[in-house]
Amino acid sequence: MDRIKLKISKKDWLYIVFIGTSFGFLISWFFYFLNEEFKNIYTVLFSSLTAFCISLFSFVFITISNDFILPKLKEKFWYLISFIFSFLSGFLGFSFSFYFGSFFKIEIVEFISAYWFFISIIIGFLTFLIGLILHQFVSMKHRYENINSQVLETKIKALENELNPHFLFNALNSISELIYVDKKDAERATLELSRFLRNAITKESLIPIKTEIEMVKTYLNIENIRFENNIELNVELNEDDENILVPKFSIQLLVENAIKHGYNRNRLKIDILVSSKEIIIINNGKLSQRIKYGTGLNNLDKRLDLLNVGRLSHQVDGSNMKFIISLKD
């Protein structure tokens, strides 16, 4: 159905109505100078009103066609319905303007009153031709947007795929070690890994932060088996902020980074502070004055930018290391 369906946004419709009315306004000056009797403001208003009404009827018919008629018909009837509705938009738009002008006895309306019906038919066919041009324009516009969207999605998925194997290899190595040390812990780690992967395989690139935090907790349950529960996680998340959308694996990556670079065989404390403006991940591990953005941090920074979510920054605050995701409004 996409080949015939006009996916016109509200913004597109504003442009169409504005351009149509402006076109009618310009055409009115042809009649304005054609005859001394037409040199009045009503000639301009009639032509502008005609163009506006045609645009308005087009909006109504296209909406009805897209939402209620085309989905229920076989494809071979789509062009016929589109032709009929395009024709009716022009025919009814002009007819409505004509009767409106007749009521106020506008000179140009009285001049064309003898053959207004034939003019309505001609304008109906012209509207159909303009509709064909509009269909091609809107189709090209949406094809271009779809291509851009697919390219963007491909880039994001490629970045996400960089992250998955890294954690999976670490988790499997930890489980393989536990099998010989503690079979119950190995079993628990396997179940936690299964739970993590179940949440991770969602196709969505942006997920609610509540879901991301749950994935972080599952991830830490696995890691704490290896680190003998020396990693403590504290989360401050208000109920109002639970549906903030963040890139999948974003918080998990920063927590993983804190463990990788901050763990010093002492108890590592990680705090996650969430507000509507920023997400802060703090750890009290080893401090690094010069942070190098490797694969993981560069990956997250790119995804935040591509998904138009925010930007990543970091700072040393006393004895704590902070990573901050500043969210866009």
C-alpha atoms as a PDB file:
ATOM      1  CA  MET A   1       0.000   0.000   0.000  1.00  0.00           C
ATOM      2  CA  ASP A   2       2.958   2.331   0.465  1.00  0.00           C
ATOM      3  CA  ARG A   3       3.202   2.801  -3.315  1.00  0.00           C
ATOM      4  CA  ILE A   4      -0.148   4.630  -3.416  1.00  0.00           C
ATOM      5  CA  LYS A   5      -0.612   5.837   0.146  1.00  0.00           C
ATOM      6  CA  LEU A   6       0.311   9.478   0.678  1.00  0.00           C
ATOM      7  CA  LYS A   7       2.102   9.614   4.020  1.00  0.00           C
ATOM      8  CA  ILE A   8       1.758  13.353   4.533  1.00  0.00           C
ATOM      9  CA  SER A   9       2.724  14.777   7.914  1.00  0.00           C
ATOM     10  CA  LYS A  10       0.945  17.691   9.577  1.00  0.00           C
ATOM     11  CA  LYS A  11       3.892  19.898   8.708  1.00  0.00           C
ATOM     12  CA  ASP A  12       3.633  18.814   5.051  1.00  0.00           C
ATOM     13  CA  TRP A  13      -0.057  19.717   5.056  1.00  0.00           C
ATOM     14  CA  LEU A  14       0.671  23.201   6.363  1.00  0.00           C
ATOM     15  CA  TYR A  15       3.084  23.689   3.469  1.00  0.00           C
ATOM     16  CA  ILE A  16       0.569  22.329   0.961  1.00  0.00           C
ATOM     17  CA  VAL A  17      -2.276  24.551   2.188  1.00  0.00           C
ATOM     18  CA  PHE A  18       0.023  27.593   2.302  1.00  0.00           C
ATOM     19  CA  ILE A  19       1.431  26.980  -1.181  1.00  0.00           C
ATOM     20  CA  GLY A  20      -2.045  26.228  -2.597  1.00  0.00           C
ATOM     21  CA  THR A  21      -3.548  29.382  -1.116  1.00  0.00           C
ATOM     22  CA  SER A  22      -0.578  31.452  -2.286  1.00  0.00           C
ATOM     23  CA  PHE A  23      -0.963  30.001  -5.789  1.00  0.00           C
ATOM     24  CA  GLY A  24      -4.653  30.980  -5.782  1.00  0.00           C
ATOM     25  CA  PHE A  25      -3.695  34.437  -4.585  1.00  0.00           C
ATOM     26  CA  LEU A  26      -1.264  34.894  -7.482  1.00  0.00           C
ATOM     27  CA  ILE A  27      -3.733  33.546 -10.053  1.00  0.00           C
ATOM     28  CA  SER A  28      -6.311  36.054  -8.775  1.00  0.00           C
ATOM     29  CA  TRP A  29      -4.201  38.919 -10.101  1.00  0.00           C
ATOM     30  CA  PHE A  30      -4.666  37.576 -13.613  1.00  0.00           C
ATOM     31  CA  PHE A  31      -8.431  38.069 -13.243  1.00  0.00           C
ATOM     32  CA  TYR A  32      -7.859  41.306 -11.361  1.00  0.00           C
ATOM     33  CA  PHE A  33      -6.279  42.939 -14.422  1.00  0.00           C
ATOM     34  CA  LEU A  34      -8.415  41.078 -16.965  1.00  0.00           C
ATOM     35  CA  ASN A  35     -11.504  43.201 -16.471  1.00  0.00           C
ATOM     36  CA  GLU A  36     -12.209  46.544 -14.808  1.00  0.00           C
ATOM     37  CA  GLU A  37     -15.197  44.987 -13.012  1.00  0.00           C
ATOM     38  CA  PHE A  38     -12.905  42.441 -11.295  1.00  0.00           C
ATOM     39  CA  LYS A  39     -10.559  45.032  -9.783  1.00  0.00           C
ATOM     40  CA  ASN A  40     -11.629  44.586  -6.186  1.00  0.00           C
ATOM     41  CA  ILE A  41     -10.541  42.641  -3.134  1.00  0.00           C
ATOM     42  CA  TYR A  42     -13.296  40.059  -3.598  1.00  0.00           C
ATOM     43  CA  THR A  43     -11.630  38.713  -6.741  1.00  0.00           C
ATOM     44  CA  VAL A  44      -8.467  38.039  -4.747  1.00  0.00           C
ATOM     45  CA  LEU A  45     -10.433  36.524  -1.851  1.00  0.00           C
ATOM     46  CA  PHE A  46     -12.434  34.236  -4.162  1.00  0.00           C
ATOM     47  CA  SER A  47      -9.350  32.800  -5.874  1.00  0.00           C
ATOM     48  CA  SER A  48      -7.512  32.353  -2.577  1.00  0.00           C
ATOM     49  CA  LEU A  49     -10.585  30.741  -1.014  1.00  0.00           C
ATOM     50  CA  THR A  50     -10.881  28.336  -3.978  1.00  0.00           C
ATOM     51  CA  ALA A  51      -7.271  27.158  -3.579  1.00  0.00           C
ATOM     52  CA  PHE A  52      -7.721  26.839   0.188  1.00  0.00           C
ATOM     53  CA  CYS A  53     -10.917  24.777  -0.195  1.00  0.00           C
ATOM     54  CA  ILE A  54      -9.291  22.442  -2.732  1.00  0.00           C
ATOM     55  CA  SER A  55      -6.394  21.862  -0.303  1.00  0.00           C
ATOM     56  CA  LEU A  56      -8.853  21.287   2.538  1.00  0.00           C
ATOM     57  CA  PHE A  57     -10.946  18.779   0.580  1.00  0.00           C
ATOM     58  CA  SER A  58      -7.719  17.019  -0.482  1.00  0.00           C
ATOM     59  CA  PHE A  59      -6.729  16.661   3.161  1.00  0.00           C
ATOM     60  CA  VAL A  60     -10.137  15.196   4.075  1.00  0.00           C
ATOM     61  CA  PHE A  61     -10.274  12.756   1.143  1.00  0.00           C
ATOM     62  CA  ILE A  62      -6.671  11.572   1.469  1.00  0.00           C
ATOM     63  CA  THR A  63      -7.169  10.969   5.193  1.00  0.00           C
ATOM     64  CA  ILE A  64     -10.385   8.991   4.578  1.00  0.00           C
ATOM     65  CA  SER A  65      -8.749   7.065   1.733  1.00  0.00           C
ATOM     66  CA  ASN A  66      -5.603   6.147   3.676  1.00  0.00           C
ATOM     67  CA  ASP A  67      -7.291   5.203   6.940  1.00  0.00           C
ATOM     68  CA  PHE A  68     -10.601   3.640   5.934  1.00  0.00           C
ATOM     69  CA  ILE A  69     -10.827   2.720   2.246  1.00  0.00           C
ATOM     70  CA  LEU A  70      -7.510   1.632   0.691  1.00  0.00           C
ATOM     71  CA  PRO A  71      -6.690  -0.908   3.446  1.00  0.00           C
ATOM     72  CA  LYS A  72      -9.978  -2.711   2.704  1.00  0.00           C
ATOM     73  CA  LEU A  73      -9.680  -2.799  -1.102  1.00  0.00           C
ATOM     74  CA  LYS A  74      -7.632  -4.894  -3.492  1.00  0.00           C
ATOM     75  CA  GLU A  75      -4.569  -3.182  -4.891  1.00  0.00           C
ATOM     76  CA  LYS A  76      -5.998  -2.981  -8.442  1.00  0.00           C
ATOM     77  CA  PHE A  77      -8.659  -0.495  -7.211  1.00  0.00           C
ATOM     78  CA  TRP A  78      -6.283   1.876  -5.406  1.00  0.00           C
ATOM     79  CA  TYR A  79      -5.479   4.113  -8.368  1.00  0.00           C
ATOM     80  CA  LEU A  80      -9.155   4.361  -9.305  1.00  0.00           C
ATOM     81  CA  ILE A  81     -10.089   5.499  -5.778  1.00  0.00           C
ATOM     82  CA  SER A  82      -7.190   7.948  -5.732  1.00  0.00           C
ATOM     83  CA  PHE A  83      -8.307   9.392  -9.093  1.00  0.00           C
ATOM     84  CA  ILE A  84     -11.910   9.781  -7.897  1.00  0.00           C
ATOM     85  CA  PHE A  85     -10.908  11.480  -4.645  1.00  0.00           C
ATOM     86  CA  SER A  86      -8.379  13.778  -6.352  1.00  0.00           C
ATOM     87  CA  PHE A  87     -11.009  14.784  -8.896  1.00  0.00           C
ATOM     88  CA  LEU A  88     -13.616  15.378  -6.178  1.00  0.00           C
ATOM     89  CA  SER A  89     -11.192  17.546  -4.199  1.00  0.00           C
ATOM     90  CA  GLY A  90     -10.924  19.981  -7.111  1.00  0.00           C
ATOM     91  CA  PHE A  91     -14.557  19.732  -8.170  1.00  0.00           C
ATOM     92  CA  LEU A  92     -16.025  20.219  -4.688  1.00  0.00           C
ATOM     93  CA  GLY A  93     -13.427  22.784  -3.660  1.00  0.00           C
ATOM     94  CA  PHE A  94     -14.298  25.036  -6.586  1.00  0.00           C
ATOM     95  CA  SER A  95     -18.050  24.368  -6.280  1.00  0.00           C
ATOM     96  CA  PHE A  96     -18.017  25.301  -2.598  1.00  0.00           C
ATOM     97  CA  SER A  97     -16.168  28.538  -3.371  1.00  0.00           C
ATOM     98  CA  PHE A  98     -18.575  29.291  -6.222  1.00  0.00           C
ATOM     99  CA  TYR A  99     -21.672  28.951  -4.047  1.00  0.00           C
ATOM    100  CA  PHE A 100     -20.000  30.958  -1.310  1.00  0.00           C
ATOM    101  CA  GLY A 101     -19.176  33.707  -3.818  1.00  0.00           C
ATOM    102  CA  SER A 102     -22.712  33.560  -5.275  1.00  0.00           C
ATOM    103  CA  PHE A 103     -24.157  34.196  -1.837  1.00  0.00           C
ATOM    104  CA  PHE A 104     -22.159  37.437  -1.589  1.00  0.00           C
ATOM    105  CA  LYS A 105     -22.750  38.289  -5.291  1.00  0.00           C
ATOM    106  CA  ILE A 106     -19.079  38.674  -6.175  1.00  0.00           C
ATOM    107  CA  GLU A 107     -18.605  40.062  -9.696  1.00  0.00           C
ATOM    108  CA  ILE A 108     -16.243  37.332 -10.939  1.00  0.00           C
ATOM    109  CA  VAL A 109     -18.631  34.642  -9.705  1.00  0.00           C
ATOM    110  CA  GLU A 110     -21.550  36.184 -11.572  1.00  0.00           C
ATOM    111  CA  PHE A 111     -19.333  36.368 -14.677  1.00  0.00           C
ATOM    112  CA  ILE A 112     -18.629  32.606 -14.675  1.00  0.00           C
ATOM    113  CA  SER A 113     -22.046  31.496 -13.379  1.00  0.00           C
ATOM    114  CA  ALA A 114     -23.173  30.250 -16.821  1.00  0.00           C
ATOM    115  CA  TYR A 115     -20.370  27.694 -17.069  1.00  0.00           C
ATOM    116  CA  TRP A 116     -19.229  27.138 -13.481  1.00  0.00           C
ATOM    117  CA  PHE A 117     -20.016  23.399 -13.711  1.00  0.00           C
ATOM    118  CA  PHE A 118     -17.596  22.863 -16.592  1.00  0.00           C
ATOM    119  CA  ILE A 119     -14.920  24.884 -14.792  1.00  0.00           C
ATOM    120  CA  SER A 120     -15.410  22.638 -11.747  1.00  0.00           C
ATOM    121  CA  ILE A 121     -14.822  19.554 -13.924  1.00  0.00           C
ATOM    122  CA  ILE A 122     -11.662  21.040 -15.477  1.00  0.00           C
ATOM    123  CA  ILE A 123     -10.310  22.016 -12.062  1.00  0.00           C
ATOM    124  CA  GLY A 124     -11.106  18.486 -10.852  1.00  0.00           C
ATOM    125  CA  PHE A 125      -8.866  17.019 -13.582  1.00  0.00           C
ATOM    126  CA  LEU A 126      -6.157  19.603 -12.873  1.00  0.00           C
ATOM    127  CA  THR A 127      -6.266  18.664  -9.187  1.00  0.00           C
ATOM    128  CA  PHE A 128      -5.778  15.038 -10.136  1.00  0.00           C
ATOM    129  CA  LEU A 129      -2.670  15.934 -12.181  1.00  0.00           C
ATOM    130  CA  ILE A 130      -1.309  18.028  -9.327  1.00  0.00           C
ATOM    131  CA  GLY A 131      -2.074  15.101  -7.004  1.00  0.00           C
ATOM    132  CA  LEU A 132       0.111  12.828  -9.133  1.00  0.00           C
ATOM    133  CA  ILE A 133       2.992  15.292  -8.855  1.00  0.00           C
ATOM    134  CA  LEU A 134       2.394  15.609  -5.099  1.00  0.00           C
ATOM    135  CA  HIS A 135       2.372  11.809  -4.747  1.00  0.00           C
ATOM    136  CA  GLN A 136       5.763  11.547  -6.458  1.00  0.00           C
ATOM    137  CA  PHE A 137       7.205  14.351  -4.339  1.00  0.00           C
ATOM    138  CA  VAL A 138       6.001  12.912  -1.023  1.00  0.00           C
ATOM    139  CA  SER A 139       7.037   9.373  -2.025  1.00  0.00           C
ATOM    140  CA  MET A 140      10.563  10.558  -2.873  1.00  0.00           C
ATOM    141  CA  LYS A 141      10.733  12.489   0.386  1.00  0.00           C
ATOM    142  CA  HIS A 142       9.764   9.456   2.461  1.00  0.00           C
ATOM    143  CA  ARG A 143      12.044   7.117   0.513  1.00  0.00           C
ATOM    144  CA  TYR A 144      14.909   9.477   1.285  1.00  0.00           C
ATOM    145  CA  GLU A 145      13.927   9.578   4.973  1.00  0.00           C
ATOM    146  CA  ASN A 146      13.614   5.765   5.092  1.00  0.00           C
ATOM    147  CA  ILE A 147      17.057   5.328   3.540  1.00  0.00           C
ATOM    148  CA  ASN A 148      18.564   7.713   6.094  1.00  0.00           C
ATOM    149  CA  SER A 149      16.736   5.905   8.889  1.00  0.00           C
ATOM    150  CA  GLN A 150      17.968   2.506   7.697  1.00  0.00           C
ATOM    151  CA  VAL A 151      21.562   3.758   7.443  1.00  0.00           C
ATOM    152  CA  LEU A 152      21.314   5.208  10.953  1.00  0.00           C
ATOM    153  CA  GLU A 153      19.817   1.987  12.315  1.00  0.00           C
ATOM    154  CA  THR A 154      22.577  -0.049  10.667  1.00  0.00           C
ATOM    155  CA  LYS A 155      25.244   2.125  12.287  1.00  0.00           C
ATOM    156  CA  ILE A 156      23.598   1.788  15.710  1.00  0.00           C
ATOM    157  CA  LYS A 157      23.233  -1.993  15.394  1.00  0.00           C
ATOM    158  CA  ALA A 158      26.880  -2.279  14.358  1.00  0.00           C
ATOM    159  CA  LEU A 159      27.882  -0.340  17.462  1.00  0.00           C
ATOM    160  CA  GLU A 160      25.668  -2.516  19.665  1.00  0.00           C
ATOM    161  CA  ASN A 161      27.181  -5.662  18.191  1.00  0.00           C
ATOM    162  CA  GLU A 162      30.634  -4.453  19.220  1.00  0.00           C
ATOM    163  CA  LEU A 163      29.556  -4.687  22.857  1.00  0.00           C
ATOM    164  CA  ASN A 164      27.753  -8.025  23.057  1.00  0.00           C
ATOM    165  CA  PRO A 165      30.702 -10.440  22.589  1.00  0.00           C
ATOM    166  CA  HIS A 166      32.913  -8.561  25.067  1.00  0.00           C
ATOM    167  CA  PHE A 167      30.681  -9.147  28.079  1.00  0.00           C
ATOM    168  CA  LEU A 168      29.616 -12.613  26.927  1.00  0.00           C
ATOM    169  CA  PHE A 169      33.213 -13.884  26.735  1.00  0.00           C
ATOM    170  CA  ASN A 170      33.980 -12.555  30.224  1.00  0.00           C
ATOM    171  CA  ALA A 171      30.827 -14.105  31.669  1.00  0.00           C
ATOM    172  CA  LEU A 172      31.494 -17.499  30.062  1.00  0.00           C
ATOM    173  CA  ASN A 173      35.084 -17.464  31.320  1.00  0.00           C
ATOM    174  CA  SER A 174      33.832 -16.728  34.842  1.00  0.00           C
ATOM    175  CA  ILE A 175      31.300 -19.550  34.652  1.00  0.00           C
ATOM    176  CA  SER A 176      33.900 -22.010  33.339  1.00  0.00           C
ATOM    177  CA  GLU A 177      36.121 -21.215  36.343  1.00  0.00           C
ATOM    178  CA  LEU A 178      33.214 -21.611  38.772  1.00  0.00           C
ATOM    179  CA  ILE A 179      32.308 -25.051  37.451  1.00  0.00           C
ATOM    180  CA  TYR A 180      35.429 -26.466  39.117  1.00  0.00           C
ATOM    181  CA  VAL A 181      35.136 -24.308  42.263  1.00  0.00           C
ATOM    182  CA  ASP A 182      31.427 -24.120  43.126  1.00  0.00           C
ATOM    183  CA  LYS A 183      28.837 -25.835  40.963  1.00  0.00           C
ATOM    184  CA  LYS A 184      25.929 -24.027  42.656  1.00  0.00           C
ATOM    185  CA  ASP A 185      27.482 -20.624  41.909  1.00  0.00           C
ATOM    186  CA  ALA A 186      28.168 -21.765  38.355  1.00  0.00           C
ATOM    187  CA  GLU A 187      24.520 -22.762  37.976  1.00  0.00           C
ATOM    188  CA  ARG A 188      23.361 -19.447  39.439  1.00  0.00           C
ATOM    189  CA  ALA A 189      25.690 -17.515  37.126  1.00  0.00           C
ATOM    190  CA  THR A 190      24.364 -19.430  34.103  1.00  0.00           C
ATOM    191  CA  LEU A 191      20.772 -18.550  35.017  1.00  0.00           C
ATOM    192  CA  GLU A 192      21.721 -14.895  35.550  1.00  0.00           C
ATOM    193  CA  LEU A 193      23.484 -14.841  32.176  1.00  0.00           C
ATOM    194  CA  SER A 194      20.391 -16.339  30.538  1.00  0.00           C
ATOM    195  CA  ARG A 195      18.240 -13.658  32.146  1.00  0.00           C
ATOM    196  CA  PHE A 196      20.619 -10.907  31.010  1.00  0.00           C
ATOM    197  CA  LEU A 197      20.670 -12.134  27.411  1.00  0.00           C
ATOM    198  CA  ARG A 198      16.873 -12.472  27.364  1.00  0.00           C
ATOM    199  CA  ASN A 199      16.608  -8.753  28.154  1.00  0.00           C
ATOM    200  CA  ALA A 200      19.497  -7.841  25.858  1.00  0.00           C
ATOM    201  CA  ILE A 201      18.097  -9.361  22.656  1.00  0.00           C
ATOM    202  CA  THR A 202      15.378  -6.732  22.339  1.00  0.00           C
ATOM    203  CA  LYS A 203      15.504  -5.088  18.908  1.00  0.00           C
ATOM    204  CA  GLU A 204      14.952  -1.629  20.377  1.00  0.00           C
ATOM    205  CA  SER A 205      18.042   0.586  20.530  1.00  0.00           C
ATOM    206  CA  LEU A 206      16.439   2.872  23.113  1.00  0.00           C
ATOM    207  CA  ILE A 207      14.967   1.287  26.235  1.00  0.00           C
ATOM    208  CA  PRO A 208      13.505   2.683  29.498  1.00  0.00           C
ATOM    209  CA  ILE A 209      16.190   3.324  32.083  1.00  0.00           C
ATOM    210  CA  LYS A 210      14.311   1.091  34.522  1.00  0.00           C
ATOM    211  CA  THR A 211      14.928  -1.845  32.150  1.00  0.00           C
ATOM    212  CA  GLU A 212      18.569  -0.857  31.704  1.00  0.00           C
ATOM    213  CA  ILE A 213      19.051  -0.733  35.503  1.00  0.00           C
ATOM    214  CA  GLU A 214      17.579  -4.233  35.805  1.00  0.00           C
ATOM    215  CA  MET A 215      20.104  -5.437  33.237  1.00  0.00           C
ATOM    216  CA  VAL A 216      22.895  -3.746  35.219  1.00  0.00           C
ATOM    217  CA  LYS A 217      21.790  -5.529  38.407  1.00  0.00           C
ATOM    218  CA  THR A 218      21.756  -8.876  36.596  1.00  0.00           C
ATOM    219  CA  TYR A 219      25.194  -8.129  35.162  1.00  0.00           C
ATOM    220  CA  LEU A 220      26.558  -7.326  38.621  1.00  0.00           C
ATOM    221  CA  ASN A 221      25.077 -10.522  40.056  1.00  0.00           C
ATOM    222  CA  ILE A 222      27.228 -12.397  37.553  1.00  0.00           C
ATOM    223  CA  GLU A 223      30.338 -10.304  38.180  1.00  0.00           C
ATOM    224  CA  ASN A 224      29.998 -10.501  41.963  1.00  0.00           C
ATOM    225  CA  ILE A 225      30.345 -14.273  41.780  1.00  0.00           C
ATOM    226  CA  ARG A 226      33.803 -13.688  40.307  1.00  0.00           C
ATOM    227  CA  PHE A 227      34.615 -10.744  42.608  1.00  0.00           C
ATOM    228  CA  GLU A 228      33.267 -12.416  45.771  1.00  0.00           C
ATOM    229  CA  ASN A 229      30.554  -9.791  46.338  1.00  0.00           C
ATOM    230  CA  ASN A 230      33.089  -6.961  46.573  1.00  0.00           C
ATOM    231  CA  ILE A 231      31.088  -4.738  44.241  1.00  0.00           C
ATOM    232  CA  GLU A 232      28.261  -2.724  45.807  1.00  0.00           C
ATOM    233  CA  LEU A 233      25.609  -1.016  43.688  1.00  0.00           C
ATOM    234  CA  ASN A 234      23.349   1.819  44.844  1.00  0.00           C
ATOM    235  CA  VAL A 235      20.688   3.260  42.554  1.00  0.00           C
ATOM    236  CA  GLU A 236      18.723   6.492  43.017  1.00  0.00           C
ATOM    237  CA  LEU A 237      15.861   6.432  40.541  1.00  0.00           C
ATOM    238  CA  ASN A 238      12.580   8.258  41.060  1.00  0.00           C
ATOM    239  CA  GLU A 239       9.383   6.722  39.760  1.00  0.00           C
ATOM    240  CA  ASP A 240       8.845   9.767  37.521  1.00  0.00           C
ATOM    241  CA  ASP A 241      12.149   9.099  35.728  1.00  0.00           C
ATOM    242  CA  GLU A 242      11.753   5.351  35.158  1.00  0.00           C
ATOM    243  CA  ASN A 243      10.668   5.770  31.541  1.00  0.00           C
ATOM    244  CA  ILE A 244      13.600   7.944  30.440  1.00  0.00           C
ATOM    245  CA  LEU A 245      14.911   6.336  27.251  1.00  0.00           C
ATOM    246  CA  VAL A 246      18.601   5.473  27.076  1.00  0.00           C
ATOM    247  CA  PRO A 247      20.712   3.450  24.622  1.00  0.00           C
ATOM    248  CA  LYS A 248      20.754  -0.250  25.401  1.00  0.00           C
ATOM    249  CA  PHE A 249      23.917  -1.268  27.334  1.00  0.00           C
ATOM    250  CA  SER A 250      24.739   2.398  28.110  1.00  0.00           C
ATOM    251  CA  ILE A 251      24.679   2.220  31.939  1.00  0.00           C
ATOM    252  CA  GLN A 252      25.920  -1.371  31.887  1.00  0.00           C
ATOM    253  CA  LEU A 253      28.934  -0.304  29.836  1.00  0.00           C
ATOM    254  CA  LEU A 254      29.840   2.465  32.300  1.00  0.00           C
ATOM    255  CA  VAL A 255      29.458   0.092  35.259  1.00  0.00           C
ATOM    256  CA  GLU A 256      31.611  -2.479  33.451  1.00  0.00           C
ATOM    257  CA  ASN A 257      34.180   0.260  32.781  1.00  0.00           C
ATOM    258  CA  ALA A 258      34.180   1.188  36.486  1.00  0.00           C
ATOM    259  CA  ILE A 259      34.928  -2.424  37.445  1.00  0.00           C
ATOM    260  CA  LYS A 260      37.579  -2.884  34.762  1.00  0.00           C
ATOM    261  CA  HIS A 261      39.517   0.294  35.569  1.00  0.00           C
ATOM    262  CA  GLY A 262      38.467   1.044  39.143  1.00  0.00           C
ATOM    263  CA  TYR A 263      38.568  -2.274  41.002  1.00  0.00           C
ATOM    264  CA  ASN A 264      41.634  -2.460  43.265  1.00  0.00           C
ATOM    265  CA  ARG A 265      40.831  -5.561  45.329  1.00  0.00           C
ATOM    266  CA  ASN A 266      39.023  -3.414  47.890  1.00  0.00           C
ATOM    267  CA  ARG A 267      35.260  -3.048  48.079  1.00  0.00           C
ATOM    268  CA  LEU A 268      34.129  -1.086  45.009  1.00  0.00           C
ATOM    269  CA  LYS A 269      31.097   1.118  45.477  1.00  0.00           C
ATOM    270  CA  ILE A 270      29.147   2.208  42.397  1.00  0.00           C
ATOM    271  CA  ASP A 271      26.348   4.781  42.591  1.00  0.00           C
ATOM    272  CA  ILE A 272      23.881   5.474  39.800  1.00  0.00           C
ATOM    273  CA  LEU A 273      22.027   8.789  40.150  1.00  0.00           C
ATOM    274  CA  VAL A 274      19.208   9.447  37.704  1.00  0.00           C
ATOM    275  CA  SER A 275      17.388  12.718  37.070  1.00  0.00           C
ATOM    276  CA  SER A 276      15.486  14.162  34.140  1.00  0.00           C
ATOM    277  CA  LYS A 277      18.574  16.109  33.019  1.00  0.00           C
ATOM    278  CA  GLU A 278      21.463  13.717  33.577  1.00  0.00           C
ATOM    279  CA  ILE A 279      22.570  10.244  34.604  1.00  0.00           C
ATOM    280  CA  ILE A 280      25.649  10.059  36.824  1.00  0.00           C
ATOM    281  CA  ILE A 281      27.668   6.905  37.457  1.00  0.00           C
ATOM    282  CA  ILE A 282      30.115   7.308  40.364  1.00  0.00           C
ATOM    283  CA  ASN A 283      32.691   4.833  41.638  1.00  0.00           C
ATOM    284  CA  ASN A 284      35.228   5.054  44.464  1.00  0.00           C
ATOM    285  CA  GLY A 285      37.866   2.893  42.793  1.00  0.00           C
ATOM    286  CA  LYS A 286      41.202   3.807  41.267  1.00  0.00           C
ATOM    287  CA  LEU A 287      41.324   7.335  39.855  1.00  0.00           C
ATOM    288  CA  SER A 288      42.501   8.142  36.361  1.00  0.00           C
ATOM    289  CA  GLN A 289      43.371  11.759  35.666  1.00  0.00           C
ATOM    290  CA  ARG A 290      43.574  11.107  31.930  1.00  0.00           C
ATOM    291  CA  ILE A 291      40.692   9.056  30.591  1.00  0.00           C
ATOM    292  CA  LYS A 292      41.198   7.483  27.180  1.00  0.00           C
ATOM    293  CA  TYR A 293      38.030   6.695  25.299  1.00  0.00           C
ATOM    294  CA  GLY A 294      38.577   3.160  24.060  1.00  0.00           C
ATOM    295  CA  THR A 295      36.153   0.999  22.095  1.00  0.00           C
ATOM    296  CA  GLY A 296      33.466   0.933  24.781  1.00  0.00           C
ATOM    297  CA  LEU A 297      33.338   4.641  25.682  1.00  0.00           C
ATOM    298  CA  ASN A 298      33.714   5.740  22.052  1.00  0.00           C
ATOM    299  CA  ASN A 299      30.916   3.352  21.177  1.00  0.00           C
ATOM    300  CA  LEU A 300      28.597   4.844  23.790  1.00  0.00           C
ATOM    301  CA  ASP A 301      29.478   8.411  22.816  1.00  0.00           C
ATOM    302  CA  LYS A 302      28.621   7.693  19.162  1.00  0.00           C
ATOM    303  CA  ARG A 303      25.323   5.989  20.034  1.00  0.00           C
ATOM    304  CA  LEU A 304      24.263   8.892  22.262  1.00  0.00           C
ATOM    305  CA  ASP A 305      24.912  11.207  19.334  1.00  0.00           C
ATOM    306  CA  LEU A 306      23.284   9.050  16.626  1.00  0.00           C
ATOM    307  CA  LEU A 307      20.197   8.445  18.752  1.00  0.00           C
ATOM    308  CA  ASN A 308      20.054  12.146  19.672  1.00  0.00           C
ATOM    309  CA  VAL A 309      19.890  11.330  23.388  1.00  0.00           C
ATOM    310  CA  GLY A 310      22.693  13.400  24.879  1.00  0.00           C
ATOM    311  CA  ARG A 311      26.451  13.468  25.372  1.00  0.00           C
ATOM    312  CA  LEU A 312      28.997  11.693  27.544  1.00  0.00           C
ATOM    313  CA  SER A 313      31.491  13.437  29.825  1.00  0.00           C
ATOM    314  CA  HIS A 314      33.626  12.562  32.847  1.00  0.00           C
ATOM    315  CA  GLN A 315      35.298  14.224  35.805  1.00  0.00           C
ATOM    316  CA  VAL A 316      37.251  13.424  38.957  1.00  0.00           C
ATOM    317  CA  ASP A 317      35.395  14.553  42.069  1.00  0.00           C
ATOM    318  CA  GLY A 318      37.630  14.227  45.125  1.00  0.00           C
ATOM    319  CA  SER A 319      38.208  10.513  45.578  1.00  0.00           C
ATOM    320  CA  ASN A 320      35.463   9.496  43.160  1.00  0.00           C
ATOM    321  CA  MET A 321      35.360   8.965  39.411  1.00  0.00           C
ATOM    322  CA  LYS A 322      32.266  10.266  37.628  1.00  0.00           C
ATOM    323  CA  PHE A 323      30.830   9.561  34.208  1.00  0.00           C
ATOM    324  CA  ILE A 324      27.922  11.772  33.212  1.00  0.00           C
ATOM    325  CA  ILE A 325      25.322  11.320  30.488  1.00  0.00           C
ATOM    326  CA  SER A 326      23.798  14.781  29.932  1.00  0.00           C
ATOM    327  CA  LEU A 327      20.317  14.222  28.499  1.00  0.00           C
ATOM    328  CA  LYS A 328      18.730  16.367  25.812  1.00  0.00           C
ATOM    329  CA  ASP A 329      15.348  17.918  26.514  1.00  0.00           C
END
